[in-house]
Amino acid sequence: MSSLKGKIALVTGASRGIGKSIALELAASGAFVVLNCTSRGVEKAEDVLKTIRSNGGDGMVKAFSVSDSESVNQAVDEILKEKGAIHILVNNAGIAKDALFMRMKDEEWDDTLNTNLKGSALCARAVVRPMMKAKEGVIINITSVVGEMGNAGQAAYSASKAGLIGLTKTLAKELASRNIRVNAIAPGFIDTEMTVDLPESAKSEMLKVIPMGRMGSGKEIADAVLWLASDKSTYITGQVISINGGMYV
């Protein structure tokens, strides 16, 4: 399958978890994938790139902070100089600093909003100009089920992910006339490195609120990203696709 052959995709937070699954899936479909990570995640991102290449795909690692506009703009400029275009942006980078709202520190709130919401906005803004010039592009924002329904102890995370939904819909309206589609995916509980160490009791409590009775996989999210990035979804923009096993319907 090579539906994305010749396409350049930038995936933020691609060194592990959902971002890793997305990068692998896009590469398997023929895209050249730029794997963004933090400076601390370079080794893991390089491992992902090795897997991509061993499967016949290609890409490169680009370490930069999504919440710093200068870093984002420089990275995008470097990608454009080297590859000539960015056709697909997947805003996946995110952090969660959980605490009850009344106990939340300013820096915990700021760090979460800066990475999850501001970071996505900065990356989108950086790629939009070349996309508009090319009159084509796809932006996919990874939000969350808690951005739709809220969750006790996750005020900052929920607010950042809800904001991402608003950003998605606004950009979709602004950019549709230039043939740039902007959509979001809202995962529920997904089985990643972050959930491996959860106590079994916590996992069983999670599963009680999921009608399908299981966590989702990174590949199930990546499959939806691939569909939105491909020419199978050319009349879809401004939408939020919820992938949560029925947890929030």
C-alpha atoms as a PDB file:
ATOM      1  CA  MET A   1       0.000   0.000   0.000  1.00  0.00           C
ATOM      2  CA  SER A   2       1.498   3.337  -1.016  1.00  0.00           C
ATOM      3  CA  SER A   3      -1.400   5.810  -0.894  1.00  0.00           C
ATOM      4  CA  LEU A   4       0.901   8.468   0.579  1.00  0.00           C
ATOM      5  CA  LYS A   5       3.855   7.923  -1.732  1.00  0.00           C
ATOM      6  CA  GLY A   6       5.707  11.197  -2.293  1.00  0.00           C
ATOM      7  CA  LYS A   7       4.070  12.896   0.695  1.00  0.00           C
ATOM      8  CA  ILE A   8       6.057  14.500   3.517  1.00  0.00           C
ATOM      9  CA  ALA A   9       4.518  14.078   6.981  1.00  0.00           C
ATOM     10  CA  LEU A  10       5.562  15.776  10.217  1.00  0.00           C
ATOM     11  CA  VAL A  11       4.463  13.914  13.349  1.00  0.00           C
ATOM     12  CA  THR A  12       5.086  15.613  16.697  1.00  0.00           C
ATOM     13  CA  GLY A  13       5.755  13.503  19.772  1.00  0.00           C
ATOM     14  CA  ALA A  14       6.697  10.581  17.543  1.00  0.00           C
ATOM     15  CA  SER A  15       9.209   8.794  19.769  1.00  0.00           C
ATOM     16  CA  ARG A  16       6.694   6.633  21.628  1.00  0.00           C
ATOM     17  CA  GLY A  17       3.067   5.746  22.222  1.00  0.00           C
ATOM     18  CA  ILE A  18       0.400   6.967  19.818  1.00  0.00           C
ATOM     19  CA  GLY A  19       2.880   9.173  17.942  1.00  0.00           C
ATOM     20  CA  LYS A  20       5.128   6.203  17.256  1.00  0.00           C
ATOM     21  CA  SER A  21       2.184   4.164  15.931  1.00  0.00           C
ATOM     22  CA  ILE A  22       1.145   7.048  13.676  1.00  0.00           C
ATOM     23  CA  ALA A  23       4.663   7.487  12.315  1.00  0.00           C
ATOM     24  CA  LEU A  24       4.976   3.771  11.539  1.00  0.00           C
ATOM     25  CA  GLU A  25       1.602   3.666   9.787  1.00  0.00           C
ATOM     26  CA  LEU A  26       2.216   6.757   7.641  1.00  0.00           C
ATOM     27  CA  ALA A  27       5.653   5.456   6.655  1.00  0.00           C
ATOM     28  CA  ALA A  28       4.195   2.045   5.775  1.00  0.00           C
ATOM     29  CA  SER A  29       1.816   3.854   3.434  1.00  0.00           C
ATOM     30  CA  GLY A  30       4.694   5.517   1.597  1.00  0.00           C
ATOM     31  CA  ALA A  31       5.104   8.880   3.325  1.00  0.00           C
ATOM     32  CA  PHE A  32       8.511  10.276   4.249  1.00  0.00           C
ATOM     33  CA  VAL A  33       7.997  10.848   7.981  1.00  0.00           C
ATOM     34  CA  VAL A  34       9.706  13.559  10.020  1.00  0.00           C
ATOM     35  CA  LEU A  35       9.695  12.338  13.609  1.00  0.00           C
ATOM     36  CA  ASN A  36       9.622  15.201  16.093  1.00  0.00           C
ATOM     37  CA  CYS A  37      10.745  14.615  19.659  1.00  0.00           C
ATOM     38  CA  THR A  38      12.244  16.497  22.572  1.00  0.00           C
ATOM     39  CA  SER A  39      16.013  16.538  23.020  1.00  0.00           C
ATOM     40  CA  ARG A  40      15.557  13.778  25.599  1.00  0.00           C
ATOM     41  CA  GLY A  41      13.637  11.579  23.194  1.00  0.00           C
ATOM     42  CA  VAL A  42      16.139  11.454  20.333  1.00  0.00           C
ATOM     43  CA  GLU A  43      17.350   7.926  21.079  1.00  0.00           C
ATOM     44  CA  LYS A  44      13.813   6.521  21.097  1.00  0.00           C
ATOM     45  CA  ALA A  45      12.934   8.449  17.941  1.00  0.00           C
ATOM     46  CA  GLU A  46      16.029   7.036  16.230  1.00  0.00           C
ATOM     47  CA  ASP A  47      14.813   3.550  17.166  1.00  0.00           C
ATOM     48  CA  VAL A  48      11.448   4.320  15.533  1.00  0.00           C
ATOM     49  CA  LEU A  49      13.270   5.533  12.411  1.00  0.00           C
ATOM     50  CA  LYS A  50      15.294   2.294  12.324  1.00  0.00           C
ATOM     51  CA  THR A  51      12.053   0.316  12.383  1.00  0.00           C
ATOM     52  CA  ILE A  52      10.616   2.453   9.588  1.00  0.00           C
ATOM     53  CA  ARG A  53      13.699   1.875   7.434  1.00  0.00           C
ATOM     54  CA  SER A  54      13.813  -1.836   8.175  1.00  0.00           C
ATOM     55  CA  ASN A  55      10.242  -2.007   6.859  1.00  0.00           C
ATOM     56  CA  GLY A  56      11.215  -0.268   3.630  1.00  0.00           C
ATOM     57  CA  GLY A  57      10.159   3.260   4.542  1.00  0.00           C
ATOM     58  CA  ASP A  58      12.113   6.431   5.194  1.00  0.00           C
ATOM     59  CA  GLY A  59      12.153   9.521   7.340  1.00  0.00           C
ATOM     60  CA  MET A  60      14.287  11.621   9.662  1.00  0.00           C
ATOM     61  CA  VAL A  61      14.383  12.724  13.285  1.00  0.00           C
ATOM     62  CA  LYS A  62      13.932  16.389  14.119  1.00  0.00           C
ATOM     63  CA  ALA A  63      14.256  17.368  17.781  1.00  0.00           C
ATOM     64  CA  PHE A  64      12.612  20.659  18.720  1.00  0.00           C
ATOM     65  CA  SER A  65      10.284  22.120  21.335  1.00  0.00           C
ATOM     66  CA  VAL A  66       6.762  22.500  19.945  1.00  0.00           C
ATOM     67  CA  SER A  67       5.999  25.213  22.508  1.00  0.00           C
ATOM     68  CA  ASP A  68       8.816  27.498  21.314  1.00  0.00           C
ATOM     69  CA  SER A  69       7.912  29.433  18.164  1.00  0.00           C
ATOM     70  CA  GLU A  70      11.518  30.048  17.137  1.00  0.00           C
ATOM     71  CA  SER A  71      12.350  26.328  17.390  1.00  0.00           C
ATOM     72  CA  VAL A  72       9.217  25.360  15.475  1.00  0.00           C
ATOM     73  CA  ASN A  73       9.800  27.873  12.677  1.00  0.00           C
ATOM     74  CA  GLN A  74      13.450  26.881  12.322  1.00  0.00           C
ATOM     75  CA  ALA A  75      12.592  23.164  12.174  1.00  0.00           C
ATOM     76  CA  VAL A  76       9.864  23.694   9.575  1.00  0.00           C
ATOM     77  CA  ASP A  77      12.193  25.858   7.469  1.00  0.00           C
ATOM     78  CA  GLU A  78      14.845  23.122   7.587  1.00  0.00           C
ATOM     79  CA  ILE A  79      12.328  20.467   6.530  1.00  0.00           C
ATOM     80  CA  LEU A  80      11.101  22.647   3.656  1.00  0.00           C
ATOM     81  CA  LYS A  81      14.657  23.290   2.463  1.00  0.00           C
ATOM     82  CA  GLU A  82      15.521  19.602   2.563  1.00  0.00           C
ATOM     83  CA  LYS A  83      12.264  18.037   1.334  1.00  0.00           C
ATOM     84  CA  GLY A  84      10.512  20.899  -0.485  1.00  0.00           C
ATOM     85  CA  ALA A  85       7.134  20.544   1.218  1.00  0.00           C
ATOM     86  CA  ILE A  86       5.144  19.416   4.226  1.00  0.00           C
ATOM     87  CA  HIS A  87       1.916  17.805   3.091  1.00  0.00           C
ATOM     88  CA  ILE A  88       0.716  16.350   6.399  1.00  0.00           C
ATOM     89  CA  LEU A  89       1.023  17.634   9.972  1.00  0.00           C
ATOM     90  CA  VAL A  90      -0.022  15.446  12.895  1.00  0.00           C
ATOM     91  CA  ASN A  91      -0.099  17.410  16.150  1.00  0.00           C
ATOM     92  CA  ASN A  92       0.342  14.590  18.641  1.00  0.00           C
ATOM     93  CA  ALA A  93       2.872  15.944  21.175  1.00  0.00           C
ATOM     94  CA  GLY A  94       1.296  16.276  24.588  1.00  0.00           C
ATOM     95  CA  ILE A  95       1.856  16.099  28.317  1.00  0.00           C
ATOM     96  CA  ALA A  96      -0.429  15.607  31.307  1.00  0.00           C
ATOM     97  CA  LYS A  97       0.285  17.124  34.704  1.00  0.00           C
ATOM     98  CA  ASP A  98      -2.652  15.914  36.727  1.00  0.00           C
ATOM     99  CA  ALA A  99      -3.851  17.479  39.965  1.00  0.00           C
ATOM    100  CA  LEU A 100      -7.093  18.593  41.541  1.00  0.00           C
ATOM    101  CA  PHE A 101      -7.826  22.071  40.238  1.00  0.00           C
ATOM    102  CA  MET A 102      -7.514  23.824  43.597  1.00  0.00           C
ATOM    103  CA  ARG A 103      -4.057  22.300  44.117  1.00  0.00           C
ATOM    104  CA  MET A 104      -2.738  22.922  40.649  1.00  0.00           C
ATOM    105  CA  LYS A 105       0.390  25.060  40.411  1.00  0.00           C
ATOM    106  CA  ASP A 106       0.728  27.811  37.834  1.00  0.00           C
ATOM    107  CA  GLU A 107       3.641  26.075  36.134  1.00  0.00           C
ATOM    108  CA  GLU A 108       1.685  22.805  35.827  1.00  0.00           C
ATOM    109  CA  TRP A 109      -1.154  24.642  34.099  1.00  0.00           C
ATOM    110  CA  ASP A 110       1.211  26.632  31.871  1.00  0.00           C
ATOM    111  CA  ASP A 111       3.355  23.635  30.877  1.00  0.00           C
ATOM    112  CA  THR A 112       0.295  21.608  29.869  1.00  0.00           C
ATOM    113  CA  LEU A 113      -1.379  24.377  27.859  1.00  0.00           C
ATOM    114  CA  ASN A 114       1.911  25.433  26.256  1.00  0.00           C
ATOM    115  CA  THR A 115       2.702  21.942  24.983  1.00  0.00           C
ATOM    116  CA  ASN A 116      -0.740  20.611  24.124  1.00  0.00           C
ATOM    117  CA  LEU A 117      -2.533  23.685  22.780  1.00  0.00           C
ATOM    118  CA  LYS A 118       0.015  26.390  22.038  1.00  0.00           C
ATOM    119  CA  GLY A 119       2.429  23.798  20.595  1.00  0.00           C
ATOM    120  CA  SER A 120      -0.210  22.529  18.181  1.00  0.00           C
ATOM    121  CA  ALA A 121      -1.091  26.085  17.160  1.00  0.00           C
ATOM    122  CA  LEU A 122       2.560  27.011  16.552  1.00  0.00           C
ATOM    123  CA  CYS A 123       3.193  23.925  14.411  1.00  0.00           C
ATOM    124  CA  ALA A 124      -0.009  24.511  12.437  1.00  0.00           C
ATOM    125  CA  ARG A 125       0.857  28.163  11.852  1.00  0.00           C
ATOM    126  CA  ALA A 126       4.341  27.247  10.646  1.00  0.00           C
ATOM    127  CA  VAL A 127       3.122  24.747   8.032  1.00  0.00           C
ATOM    128  CA  VAL A 128       0.058  26.656   6.859  1.00  0.00           C
ATOM    129  CA  ARG A 129       1.907  29.197   4.687  1.00  0.00           C
ATOM    130  CA  PRO A 130       3.672  26.593   2.487  1.00  0.00           C
ATOM    131  CA  MET A 131       0.469  24.525   2.395  1.00  0.00           C
ATOM    132  CA  MET A 132      -1.504  27.552   1.205  1.00  0.00           C
ATOM    133  CA  LYS A 133       1.090  28.223  -1.487  1.00  0.00           C
ATOM    134  CA  ALA A 134       0.835  24.593  -2.633  1.00  0.00           C
ATOM    135  CA  LYS A 135      -2.977  24.695  -2.322  1.00  0.00           C
ATOM    136  CA  GLU A 136      -3.010  21.374  -0.510  1.00  0.00           C
ATOM    137  CA  GLY A 137      -2.445  20.046   2.972  1.00  0.00           C
ATOM    138  CA  VAL A 138      -3.790  17.998   5.858  1.00  0.00           C
ATOM    139  CA  ILE A 139      -3.592  18.873   9.547  1.00  0.00           C
ATOM    140  CA  ILE A 140      -4.683  16.277  12.115  1.00  0.00           C
ATOM    141  CA  ASN A 141      -4.841  17.233  15.788  1.00  0.00           C
ATOM    142  CA  ILE A 142      -4.788  14.513  18.437  1.00  0.00           C
ATOM    143  CA  THR A 143      -7.152  15.678  21.147  1.00  0.00           C
ATOM    144  CA  SER A 144      -8.694  13.392  23.808  1.00  0.00           C
ATOM    145  CA  VAL A 145     -11.947  12.002  25.122  1.00  0.00           C
ATOM    146  CA  VAL A 146     -11.420  14.162  28.214  1.00  0.00           C
ATOM    147  CA  GLY A 147     -11.446  17.232  25.973  1.00  0.00           C
ATOM    148  CA  GLU A 148     -15.018  16.249  25.121  1.00  0.00           C
ATOM    149  CA  MET A 149     -16.287  15.077  28.511  1.00  0.00           C
ATOM    150  CA  GLY A 150     -13.903  16.504  31.143  1.00  0.00           C
ATOM    151  CA  ASN A 151     -12.250  14.468  33.894  1.00  0.00           C
ATOM    152  CA  ALA A 152     -11.728  15.136  37.579  1.00  0.00           C
ATOM    153  CA  GLY A 153      -8.075  15.820  38.340  1.00  0.00           C
ATOM    154  CA  GLN A 154      -7.288  16.778  34.759  1.00  0.00           C
ATOM    155  CA  ALA A 155      -8.406  20.390  34.482  1.00  0.00           C
ATOM    156  CA  ALA A 156      -5.369  21.594  32.525  1.00  0.00           C
ATOM    157  CA  TYR A 157      -5.230  18.542  30.264  1.00  0.00           C
ATOM    158  CA  SER A 158      -8.984  18.638  29.573  1.00  0.00           C
ATOM    159  CA  ALA A 159      -8.880  22.385  28.890  1.00  0.00           C
ATOM    160  CA  SER A 160      -5.935  22.028  26.507  1.00  0.00           C
ATOM    161  CA  LYS A 161      -7.605  19.209  24.591  1.00  0.00           C
ATOM    162  CA  ALA A 162     -10.965  20.998  24.447  1.00  0.00           C
ATOM    163  CA  GLY A 163      -9.122  24.049  23.118  1.00  0.00           C
ATOM    164  CA  LEU A 164      -7.617  21.867  20.424  1.00  0.00           C
ATOM    165  CA  ILE A 165     -11.117  20.979  19.235  1.00  0.00           C
ATOM    166  CA  GLY A 166     -11.975  24.679  18.931  1.00  0.00           C
ATOM    167  CA  LEU A 167      -8.717  25.317  17.080  1.00  0.00           C
ATOM    168  CA  THR A 168      -9.463  22.436  14.694  1.00  0.00           C
ATOM    169  CA  LYS A 169     -12.885  23.768  13.753  1.00  0.00           C
ATOM    170  CA  THR A 170     -11.683  27.345  13.309  1.00  0.00           C
ATOM    171  CA  LEU A 171      -8.714  26.379  11.125  1.00  0.00           C
ATOM    172  CA  ALA A 172     -10.968  24.127   9.059  1.00  0.00           C
ATOM    173  CA  LYS A 173     -13.182  27.113   8.237  1.00  0.00           C
ATOM    174  CA  GLU A 174     -10.252  29.421   7.521  1.00  0.00           C
ATOM    175  CA  LEU A 175      -8.298  27.023   5.326  1.00  0.00           C
ATOM    176  CA  ALA A 176     -10.926  25.030   3.399  1.00  0.00           C
ATOM    177  CA  SER A 177     -10.839  27.417   0.433  1.00  0.00           C
ATOM    178  CA  ARG A 178      -7.123  26.631   0.008  1.00  0.00           C
ATOM    179  CA  ASN A 179      -7.745  22.868  -0.085  1.00  0.00           C
ATOM    180  CA  ILE A 180      -6.303  22.348   3.407  1.00  0.00           C
ATOM    181  CA  ARG A 181      -8.305  19.963   5.569  1.00  0.00           C
ATOM    182  CA  VAL A 182      -8.126  20.146   9.371  1.00  0.00           C
ATOM    183  CA  ASN A 183      -9.580  17.399  11.558  1.00  0.00           C
ATOM    184  CA  ALA A 184      -9.103  15.983  15.034  1.00  0.00           C
ATOM    185  CA  ILE A 185      -9.041  12.536  16.578  1.00  0.00           C
ATOM    186  CA  ALA A 186     -10.132  12.079  20.191  1.00  0.00           C
ATOM    187  CA  PRO A 187      -8.701   8.843  21.628  1.00  0.00           C
ATOM    188  CA  GLY A 188     -10.104   7.261  24.760  1.00  0.00           C
ATOM    189  CA  PHE A 189      -7.980   4.967  26.924  1.00  0.00           C
ATOM    190  CA  ILE A 190      -5.199   3.635  24.691  1.00  0.00           C
ATOM    191  CA  ASP A 191      -2.762   0.866  25.587  1.00  0.00           C
ATOM    192  CA  THR A 192       0.648   2.587  25.405  1.00  0.00           C
ATOM    193  CA  GLU A 193       3.851   2.820  27.429  1.00  0.00           C
ATOM    194  CA  MET A 194       2.043   5.297  29.684  1.00  0.00           C
ATOM    195  CA  THR A 195      -0.590   2.748  30.722  1.00  0.00           C
ATOM    196  CA  VAL A 196       1.666  -0.325  31.056  1.00  0.00           C
ATOM    197  CA  ASP A 197       2.670   0.508  34.629  1.00  0.00           C
ATOM    198  CA  LEU A 198      -0.835   1.259  35.875  1.00  0.00           C
ATOM    199  CA  PRO A 199      -1.989  -1.026  38.699  1.00  0.00           C
ATOM    200  CA  GLU A 200      -4.397  -3.739  37.592  1.00  0.00           C
ATOM    201  CA  SER A 201      -7.035  -2.274  39.912  1.00  0.00           C
ATOM    202  CA  ALA A 202      -6.834   1.063  38.086  1.00  0.00           C
ATOM    203  CA  LYS A 203      -7.072  -0.677  34.706  1.00  0.00           C
ATOM    204  CA  SER A 204     -10.121  -2.664  35.751  1.00  0.00           C
ATOM    205  CA  GLU A 205     -11.839   0.536  36.915  1.00  0.00           C
ATOM    206  CA  MET A 206     -11.099   2.091  33.517  1.00  0.00           C
ATOM    207  CA  LEU A 207     -12.539  -0.881  31.676  1.00  0.00           C
ATOM    208  CA  LYS A 208     -15.817  -0.595  33.616  1.00  0.00           C
ATOM    209  CA  VAL A 209     -16.610   2.684  31.847  1.00  0.00           C
ATOM    210  CA  ILE A 210     -15.767   1.373  28.361  1.00  0.00           C
ATOM    211  CA  PRO A 211     -18.706  -0.501  26.794  1.00  0.00           C
ATOM    212  CA  MET A 212     -16.355  -2.480  24.531  1.00  0.00           C
ATOM    213  CA  GLY A 213     -14.527  -3.677  27.653  1.00  0.00           C
ATOM    214  CA  ARG A 214     -10.975  -3.068  26.473  1.00  0.00           C
ATOM    215  CA  MET A 215      -8.435  -0.338  25.840  1.00  0.00           C
ATOM    216  CA  GLY A 216      -7.723   0.781  22.314  1.00  0.00           C
ATOM    217  CA  SER A 217      -4.426   0.257  20.499  1.00  0.00           C
ATOM    218  CA  GLY A 218      -2.073   2.817  19.019  1.00  0.00           C
ATOM    219  CA  LYS A 219      -2.632   1.233  15.612  1.00  0.00           C
ATOM    220  CA  GLU A 220      -6.373   1.878  15.849  1.00  0.00           C
ATOM    221  CA  ILE A 221      -5.622   5.578  16.240  1.00  0.00           C
ATOM    222  CA  ALA A 222      -2.965   5.452  13.503  1.00  0.00           C
ATOM    223  CA  ASP A 223      -5.411   3.804  11.076  1.00  0.00           C
ATOM    224  CA  ALA A 224      -7.784   6.753  11.495  1.00  0.00           C
ATOM    225  CA  VAL A 225      -4.932   9.221  10.981  1.00  0.00           C
ATOM    226  CA  LEU A 226      -3.943   7.412   7.790  1.00  0.00           C
ATOM    227  CA  TRP A 227      -7.518   7.595   6.514  1.00  0.00           C
ATOM    228  CA  LEU A 228      -7.784  11.320   7.241  1.00  0.00           C
ATOM    229  CA  ALA A 229      -4.399  11.946   5.617  1.00  0.00           C
ATOM    230  CA  SER A 230      -5.299  10.030   2.461  1.00  0.00           C
ATOM    231  CA  ASP A 231      -7.482  10.803  -0.537  1.00  0.00           C
ATOM    232  CA  LYS A 232     -10.175   8.569   0.978  1.00  0.00           C
ATOM    233  CA  SER A 233     -11.446  11.510   3.078  1.00  0.00           C
ATOM    234  CA  THR A 234     -11.218  14.507   0.747  1.00  0.00           C
ATOM    235  CA  TYR A 235     -14.641  15.942   1.720  1.00  0.00           C
ATOM    236  CA  ILE A 236     -14.059  15.782   5.467  1.00  0.00           C
ATOM    237  CA  THR A 237     -12.877  18.811   7.432  1.00  0.00           C
ATOM    238  CA  GLY A 238     -13.564  20.360  10.834  1.00  0.00           C
ATOM    239  CA  GLN A 239     -14.566  17.021  12.347  1.00  0.00           C
ATOM    240  CA  VAL A 240     -13.656  15.240  15.568  1.00  0.00           C
ATOM    241  CA  ILE A 241     -13.452  11.464  15.240  1.00  0.00           C
ATOM    242  CA  SER A 242     -13.890   9.834  18.653  1.00  0.00           C
ATOM    243  CA  ILE A 243     -12.119   6.513  19.117  1.00  0.00           C
ATOM    244  CA  ASN A 244     -13.019   5.436  22.634  1.00  0.00           C
ATOM    245  CA  GLY A 245     -14.781   2.061  22.582  1.00  0.00           C
ATOM    246  CA  GLY A 246     -18.107   3.741  23.442  1.00  0.00           C
ATOM    247  CA  MET A 247     -16.796   5.414  26.601  1.00  0.00           C
ATOM    248  CA  TYR A 248     -18.297   8.747  25.542  1.00  0.00           C
ATOM    249  CA  VAL A 249     -21.096   8.686  23.011  1.00  0.00           C
END
